[in-house]
Amino acid sequence: LSLAPAILLMVTSFTRVIIVLGFVQRA
């Protein structure tokens, strides 16, 4: 249960979305 949120996010589109939005902020 403690690891479930991280595992759930890693098998979804969250990784790509959060990185792209971070690139926008730093660019």
PDB file of all heavy atoms in Angstrom:
ATOM      1  N   LEU A   1       0.817  -1.212   0.000  1.00  0.00           N
ATOM      2  CA  LEU A   1       0.000   0.000   0.000  1.00  0.00           C
ATOM      3  C   LEU A   1       0.853   1.265   0.000  1.00  0.00           C
ATOM      4  O   LEU A   1       0.487   2.273  -0.608  1.00  0.00           O
ATOM      5  CB  LEU A   1      -0.934  -0.005   1.218  1.00  0.00           C
ATOM      6  CG  LEU A   1      -2.077  -1.035   1.188  1.00  0.00           C
ATOM      7  CD1 LEU A   1      -2.879  -0.964   2.479  1.00  0.00           C
ATOM      8  CD2 LEU A   1      -2.985  -0.803  -0.018  1.00  0.00           C
ATOM      9  N   SER A   2       1.993   1.218   0.686  1.00  0.00           N
ATOM     10  CA  SER A   2       2.872   2.393   0.694  1.00  0.00           C
ATOM     11  C   SER A   2       3.546   2.615  -0.648  1.00  0.00           C
ATOM     12  O   SER A   2       3.843   3.755  -1.027  1.00  0.00           O
ATOM     13  CB  SER A   2       3.935   2.243   1.789  1.00  0.00           C
ATOM     14  OG  SER A   2       4.748   1.098   1.543  1.00  0.00           O
ATOM     15  N   LEU A   3       3.804   1.541  -1.393  1.00  0.00           N
ATOM     16  CA  LEU A   3       4.450   1.660  -2.697  1.00  0.00           C
ATOM     17  C   LEU A   3       3.457   1.739  -3.845  1.00  0.00           C
ATOM     18  O   LEU A   3       3.861   2.031  -4.985  1.00  0.00           O
ATOM     19  CB  LEU A   3       5.384   0.469  -2.929  1.00  0.00           C
ATOM     20  CG  LEU A   3       6.562   0.326  -1.954  1.00  0.00           C
ATOM     21  CD1 LEU A   3       7.341  -0.945  -2.258  1.00  0.00           C
ATOM     22  CD2 LEU A   3       7.480   1.539  -2.032  1.00  0.00           C
ATOM     23  N   ALA A   4       2.183   1.470  -3.575  1.00  0.00           N
ATOM     24  CA  ALA A   4       1.182   1.415  -4.647  1.00  0.00           C
ATOM     25  C   ALA A   4       1.073   2.724  -5.429  1.00  0.00           C
ATOM     26  O   ALA A   4       1.013   2.689  -6.663  1.00  0.00           O
ATOM     27  CB  ALA A   4      -0.176   1.010  -4.082  1.00  0.00           C
ATOM     28  N   PRO A   5       1.034   3.913  -4.790  1.00  0.00           N
ATOM     29  CA  PRO A   5       0.930   5.143  -5.602  1.00  0.00           C
ATOM     30  C   PRO A   5       2.088   5.315  -6.567  1.00  0.00           C
ATOM     31  O   PRO A   5       1.884   5.698  -7.729  1.00  0.00           O
ATOM     32  CB  PRO A   5       0.900   6.244  -4.542  1.00  0.00           C
ATOM     33  CG  PRO A   5       0.401   5.589  -3.305  1.00  0.00           C
ATOM     34  CD  PRO A   5       0.936   4.197  -3.347  1.00  0.00           C
ATOM     35  N   ALA A   6       3.323   5.034  -6.111  1.00  0.00           N
ATOM     36  CA  ALA A   6       4.474   5.180  -6.997  1.00  0.00           C
ATOM     37  C   ALA A   6       4.409   4.178  -8.142  1.00  0.00           C
ATOM     38  O   ALA A   6       4.681   4.512  -9.300  1.00  0.00           O
ATOM     39  CB  ALA A   6       5.774   5.003  -6.206  1.00  0.00           C
ATOM     40  N   ILE A   7       4.046   2.929  -7.827  1.00  0.00           N
ATOM     41  CA  ILE A   7       3.947   1.912  -8.877  1.00  0.00           C
ATOM     42  C   ILE A   7       2.854   2.282  -9.869  1.00  0.00           C
ATOM     43  O   ILE A   7       3.023   2.137 -11.087  1.00  0.00           O
ATOM     44  CB  ILE A   7       3.678   0.534  -8.242  1.00  0.00           C
ATOM     45  CG1 ILE A   7       4.859   0.119  -7.353  1.00  0.00           C
ATOM     46  CG2 ILE A   7       3.433  -0.521  -9.314  1.00  0.00           C
ATOM     47  CD1 ILE A   7       4.612  -1.165  -6.579  1.00  0.00           C
ATOM     48  N   LEU A   8       1.744   2.778  -9.366  1.00  0.00           N
ATOM     49  CA  LEU A   8       0.627   3.141 -10.238  1.00  0.00           C
ATOM     50  C   LEU A   8       1.013   4.276 -11.183  1.00  0.00           C
ATOM     51  O   LEU A   8       0.622   4.279 -12.356  1.00  0.00           O
ATOM     52  CB  LEU A   8      -0.585   3.539  -9.394  1.00  0.00           C
ATOM     53  CG  LEU A   8      -1.902   3.783 -10.143  1.00  0.00           C
ATOM     54  CD1 LEU A   8      -2.344   2.507 -10.839  1.00  0.00           C
ATOM     55  CD2 LEU A   8      -2.975   4.263  -9.193  1.00  0.00           C
ATOM     56  N   LEU A   9       1.785   5.235 -10.697  1.00  0.00           N
ATOM     57  CA  LEU A   9       2.190   6.344 -11.546  1.00  0.00           C
ATOM     58  C   LEU A   9       3.234   5.914 -12.581  1.00  0.00           C
ATOM     59  O   LEU A   9       3.272   6.445 -13.684  1.00  0.00           O
ATOM     60  CB  LEU A   9       2.754   7.480 -10.690  1.00  0.00           C
ATOM     61  CG  LEU A   9       1.759   8.210  -9.789  1.00  0.00           C
ATOM     62  CD1 LEU A   9       2.470   9.257  -8.953  1.00  0.00           C
ATOM     63  CD2 LEU A   9       0.659   8.855 -10.608  1.00  0.00           C
ATOM     64  N   MET A  10       4.068   4.954 -12.232  1.00  0.00           N
ATOM     65  CA  MET A  10       5.129   4.555 -13.140  1.00  0.00           C
ATOM     66  C   MET A  10       4.629   3.743 -14.331  1.00  0.00           C
ATOM     67  O   MET A  10       5.321   3.633 -15.337  1.00  0.00           O
ATOM     68  CB  MET A  10       6.191   3.746 -12.384  1.00  0.00           C
ATOM     69  CG  MET A  10       6.981   4.547 -11.364  1.00  0.00           C
ATOM     70  SD  MET A  10       7.835   5.986 -12.065  1.00  0.00           S
ATOM     71  CE  MET A  10       6.762   7.332 -11.542  1.00  0.00           C
ATOM     72  N   VAL A  11       3.453   3.156 -14.241  1.00  0.00           N
ATOM     73  CA  VAL A  11       2.914   2.368 -15.363  1.00  0.00           C
ATOM     74  C   VAL A  11       1.862   3.155 -16.129  1.00  0.00           C
ATOM     75  O   VAL A  11       1.092   2.580 -16.893  1.00  0.00           O
ATOM     76  CB  VAL A  11       2.314   1.035 -14.863  1.00  0.00           C
ATOM     77  CG1 VAL A  11       3.389   0.172 -14.221  1.00  0.00           C
ATOM     78  CG2 VAL A  11       1.168   1.273 -13.886  1.00  0.00           C
ATOM     79  N   THR A  12       1.838   4.469 -15.936  1.00  0.00           N
ATOM     80  CA  THR A  12       0.890   5.338 -16.641  1.00  0.00           C
ATOM     81  C   THR A  12       1.680   6.387 -17.417  1.00  0.00           C
ATOM     82  O   THR A  12       2.909   6.320 -17.523  1.00  0.00           O
ATOM     83  CB  THR A  12      -0.068   6.011 -15.648  1.00  0.00           C
ATOM     84  OG1 THR A  12       0.683   6.828 -14.743  1.00  0.00           O
ATOM     85  CG2 THR A  12      -0.853   4.974 -14.854  1.00  0.00           C
ATOM     86  N   SER A  13       0.975   7.358 -17.926  1.00  0.00           N
ATOM     87  CA  SER A  13       1.600   8.431 -18.702  1.00  0.00           C
ATOM     88  C   SER A  13       2.186   9.531 -17.831  1.00  0.00           C
ATOM     89  O   SER A  13       2.677  10.532 -18.360  1.00  0.00           O
ATOM     90  CB  SER A  13       0.555   9.045 -19.647  1.00  0.00           C
ATOM     91  OG  SER A  13      -0.541   9.566 -18.904  1.00  0.00           O
ATOM     92  N   PHE A  14       2.167   9.366 -16.529  1.00  0.00           N
ATOM     93  CA  PHE A  14       2.599  10.428 -15.622  1.00  0.00           C
ATOM     94  C   PHE A  14       4.059  10.791 -15.828  1.00  0.00           C
ATOM     95  O   PHE A  14       4.424  11.979 -15.761  1.00  0.00           O
ATOM     96  CB  PHE A  14       2.364   9.995 -14.169  1.00  0.00           C
ATOM     97  CG  PHE A  14       2.762  11.028 -13.153  1.00  0.00           C
ATOM     98  CD1 PHE A  14       1.936  12.095 -12.866  1.00  0.00           C
ATOM     99  CD2 PHE A  14       3.971  10.928 -12.474  1.00  0.00           C
ATOM    100  CE1 PHE A  14       2.302  13.055 -11.933  1.00  0.00           C
ATOM    101  CE2 PHE A  14       4.343  11.879 -11.549  1.00  0.00           C
ATOM    102  CZ  PHE A  14       3.510  12.938 -11.271  1.00  0.00           C
ATOM    103  N   THR A  15       4.910   9.813 -16.067  1.00  0.00           N
ATOM    104  CA  THR A  15       6.345  10.079 -16.217  1.00  0.00           C
ATOM    105  C   THR A  15       6.606  11.048 -17.360  1.00  0.00           C
ATOM    106  O   THR A  15       7.324  12.046 -17.200  1.00  0.00           O
ATOM    107  CB  THR A  15       7.099   8.764 -16.458  1.00  0.00           C
ATOM    108  OG1 THR A  15       6.869   7.874 -15.373  1.00  0.00           O
ATOM    109  CG2 THR A  15       8.595   9.019 -16.588  1.00  0.00           C
ATOM    110  N   ARG A  16       6.032  10.778 -18.527  1.00  0.00           N
ATOM    111  CA  ARG A  16       6.252  11.653 -19.669  1.00  0.00           C
ATOM    112  C   ARG A  16       5.670  13.039 -19.426  1.00  0.00           C
ATOM    113  O   ARG A  16       6.315  14.057 -19.735  1.00  0.00           O
ATOM    114  CB  ARG A  16       5.641  11.045 -20.932  1.00  0.00           C
ATOM    115  CG  ARG A  16       5.928  11.837 -22.188  1.00  0.00           C
ATOM    116  CD  ARG A  16       5.154  11.310 -23.380  1.00  0.00           C
ATOM    117  NE  ARG A  16       5.353   9.895 -23.623  1.00  0.00           N
ATOM    118  CZ  ARG A  16       4.861   9.241 -24.669  1.00  0.00           C
ATOM    119  NH1 ARG A  16       4.130   9.904 -25.574  1.00  0.00           N
ATOM    120  NH2 ARG A  16       5.075   7.947 -24.818  1.00  0.00           N
ATOM    121  N   VAL A  17       4.485  13.106 -18.863  1.00  0.00           N
ATOM    122  CA  VAL A  17       3.811  14.396 -18.683  1.00  0.00           C
ATOM    123  C   VAL A  17       4.582  15.285 -17.716  1.00  0.00           C
ATOM    124  O   VAL A  17       4.838  16.466 -18.010  1.00  0.00           O
ATOM    125  CB  VAL A  17       2.366  14.177 -18.193  1.00  0.00           C
ATOM    126  CG1 VAL A  17       1.702  15.513 -17.893  1.00  0.00           C
ATOM    127  CG2 VAL A  17       1.557  13.413 -19.224  1.00  0.00           C
ATOM    128  N   ILE A  18       4.992  14.747 -16.577  1.00  0.00           N
ATOM    129  CA  ILE A  18       5.660  15.570 -15.568  1.00  0.00           C
ATOM    130  C   ILE A  18       7.024  16.034 -16.053  1.00  0.00           C
ATOM    131  O   ILE A  18       7.453  17.159 -15.764  1.00  0.00           O
ATOM    132  CB  ILE A  18       5.781  14.796 -14.230  1.00  0.00           C
ATOM    133  CG1 ILE A  18       6.207  15.713 -13.088  1.00  0.00           C
ATOM    134  CG2 ILE A  18       6.735  13.636 -14.352  1.00  0.00           C
ATOM    135  CD1 ILE A  18       5.201  16.718 -12.689  1.00  0.00           C
ATOM    136  N   ILE A  19       7.721  15.214 -16.835  1.00  0.00           N
ATOM    137  CA  ILE A  19       9.038  15.612 -17.338  1.00  0.00           C
ATOM    138  C   ILE A  19       8.901  16.705 -18.394  1.00  0.00           C
ATOM    139  O   ILE A  19       9.662  17.682 -18.407  1.00  0.00           O
ATOM    140  CB  ILE A  19       9.783  14.392 -17.891  1.00  0.00           C
ATOM    141  CG1 ILE A  19      10.161  13.444 -16.749  1.00  0.00           C
ATOM    142  CG2 ILE A  19      11.040  14.818 -18.641  1.00  0.00           C
ATOM    143  CD1 ILE A  19      10.843  12.175 -17.198  1.00  0.00           C
ATOM    144  N   VAL A  20       7.932  16.567 -19.298  1.00  0.00           N
ATOM    145  CA  VAL A  20       7.730  17.585 -20.336  1.00  0.00           C
ATOM    146  C   VAL A  20       7.352  18.923 -19.703  1.00  0.00           C
ATOM    147  O   VAL A  20       7.870  19.977 -20.099  1.00  0.00           O
ATOM    148  CB  VAL A  20       6.667  17.117 -21.337  1.00  0.00           C
ATOM    149  CG1 VAL A  20       6.281  18.247 -22.283  1.00  0.00           C
ATOM    150  CG2 VAL A  20       7.167  15.923 -22.133  1.00  0.00           C
ATOM    151  N   LEU A  21       6.455  18.910 -18.729  1.00  0.00           N
ATOM    152  CA  LEU A  21       6.087  20.156 -18.060  1.00  0.00           C
ATOM    153  C   LEU A  21       7.269  20.761 -17.316  1.00  0.00           C
ATOM    154  O   LEU A  21       7.429  21.982 -17.261  1.00  0.00           O
ATOM    155  CB  LEU A  21       4.924  19.903 -17.093  1.00  0.00           C
ATOM    156  CG  LEU A  21       3.597  19.474 -17.726  1.00  0.00           C
ATOM    157  CD1 LEU A  21       2.540  19.253 -16.657  1.00  0.00           C
ATOM    158  CD2 LEU A  21       3.113  20.499 -18.753  1.00  0.00           C
ATOM    159  N   GLY A  22       8.120  19.914 -16.745  1.00  0.00           N
ATOM    160  CA  GLY A  22       9.327  20.423 -16.101  1.00  0.00           C
ATOM    161  C   GLY A  22      10.293  21.049 -17.087  1.00  0.00           C
ATOM    162  O   GLY A  22      10.951  22.055 -16.789  1.00  0.00           O
ATOM    163  N   PHE A  23      10.384  20.470 -18.290  1.00  0.00           N
ATOM    164  CA  PHE A  23      11.229  21.054 -19.331  1.00  0.00           C
ATOM    165  C   PHE A  23      10.735  22.449 -19.715  1.00  0.00           C
ATOM    166  O   PHE A  23      11.540  23.360 -19.958  1.00  0.00           O
ATOM    167  CB  PHE A  23      11.257  20.145 -20.562  1.00  0.00           C
ATOM    168  CG  PHE A  23      12.425  19.200 -20.579  1.00  0.00           C
ATOM    169  CD1 PHE A  23      12.246  17.853 -20.360  1.00  0.00           C
ATOM    170  CD2 PHE A  23      13.702  19.669 -20.827  1.00  0.00           C
ATOM    171  CE1 PHE A  23      13.321  16.982 -20.381  1.00  0.00           C
ATOM    172  CE2 PHE A  23      14.781  18.812 -20.856  1.00  0.00           C
ATOM    173  CZ  PHE A  23      14.602  17.463 -20.630  1.00  0.00           C
ATOM    174  N   VAL A  24       9.425  22.607 -19.799  1.00  0.00           N
ATOM    175  CA  VAL A  24       8.871  23.926 -20.134  1.00  0.00           C
ATOM    176  C   VAL A  24       9.270  24.957 -19.091  1.00  0.00           C
ATOM    177  O   VAL A  24       9.703  26.076 -19.414  1.00  0.00           O
ATOM    178  CB  VAL A  24       7.336  23.838 -20.258  1.00  0.00           C
ATOM    179  CG1 VAL A  24       6.729  25.220 -20.459  1.00  0.00           C
ATOM    180  CG2 VAL A  24       6.941  22.932 -21.411  1.00  0.00           C
ATOM    181  N   GLN A  25       9.145  24.585 -17.846  1.00  0.00           N
ATOM    182  CA  GLN A  25       9.467  25.520 -16.766  1.00  0.00           C
ATOM    183  C   GLN A  25      10.938  25.929 -16.799  1.00  0.00           C
ATOM    184  O   GLN A  25      11.271  27.110 -16.643  1.00  0.00           O
ATOM    185  CB  GLN A  25       9.128  24.869 -15.423  1.00  0.00           C
ATOM    186  CG  GLN A  25       9.261  25.784 -14.226  1.00  0.00           C
ATOM    187  CD  GLN A  25       8.916  25.067 -12.934  1.00  0.00           C
ATOM    188  OE1 GLN A  25       9.172  23.869 -12.792  1.00  0.00           O
ATOM    189  NE2 GLN A  25       8.323  25.780 -12.007  1.00  0.00           N
ATOM    190  N   ARG A  26      11.827  24.983 -17.043  1.00  0.00           N
ATOM    191  CA  ARG A  26      13.258  25.290 -17.045  1.00  0.00           C
ATOM    192  C   ARG A  26      13.706  25.949 -18.334  1.00  0.00           C
ATOM    193  O   ARG A  26      14.680  26.704 -18.341  1.00  0.00           O
ATOM    194  CB  ARG A  26      14.047  24.010 -16.788  1.00  0.00           C
ATOM    195  CG  ARG A  26      13.984  23.582 -15.332  1.00  0.00           C
ATOM    196  CD  ARG A  26      14.330  22.125 -15.139  1.00  0.00           C
ATOM    197  NE  ARG A  26      14.256  21.758 -13.732  1.00  0.00           N
ATOM    198  CZ  ARG A  26      13.125  21.502 -13.088  1.00  0.00           C
ATOM    199  NH1 ARG A  26      11.963  21.583 -13.741  1.00  0.00           N
ATOM    200  NH2 ARG A  26      13.117  21.178 -11.813  1.00  0.00           N
ATOM    201  N   ALA A  27      13.029  25.661 -19.449  1.00  0.00           N
ATOM    202  CA  ALA A  27      13.392  26.301 -20.710  1.00  0.00           C
ATOM    203  C   ALA A  27      13.116  27.799 -20.658  1.00  0.00           C
ATOM    204  O   ALA A  27      13.905  28.604 -21.170  1.00  0.00           O
ATOM    205  CB  ALA A  27      12.625  25.660 -21.857  1.00  0.00           C
TER     206      ALA A  27
END
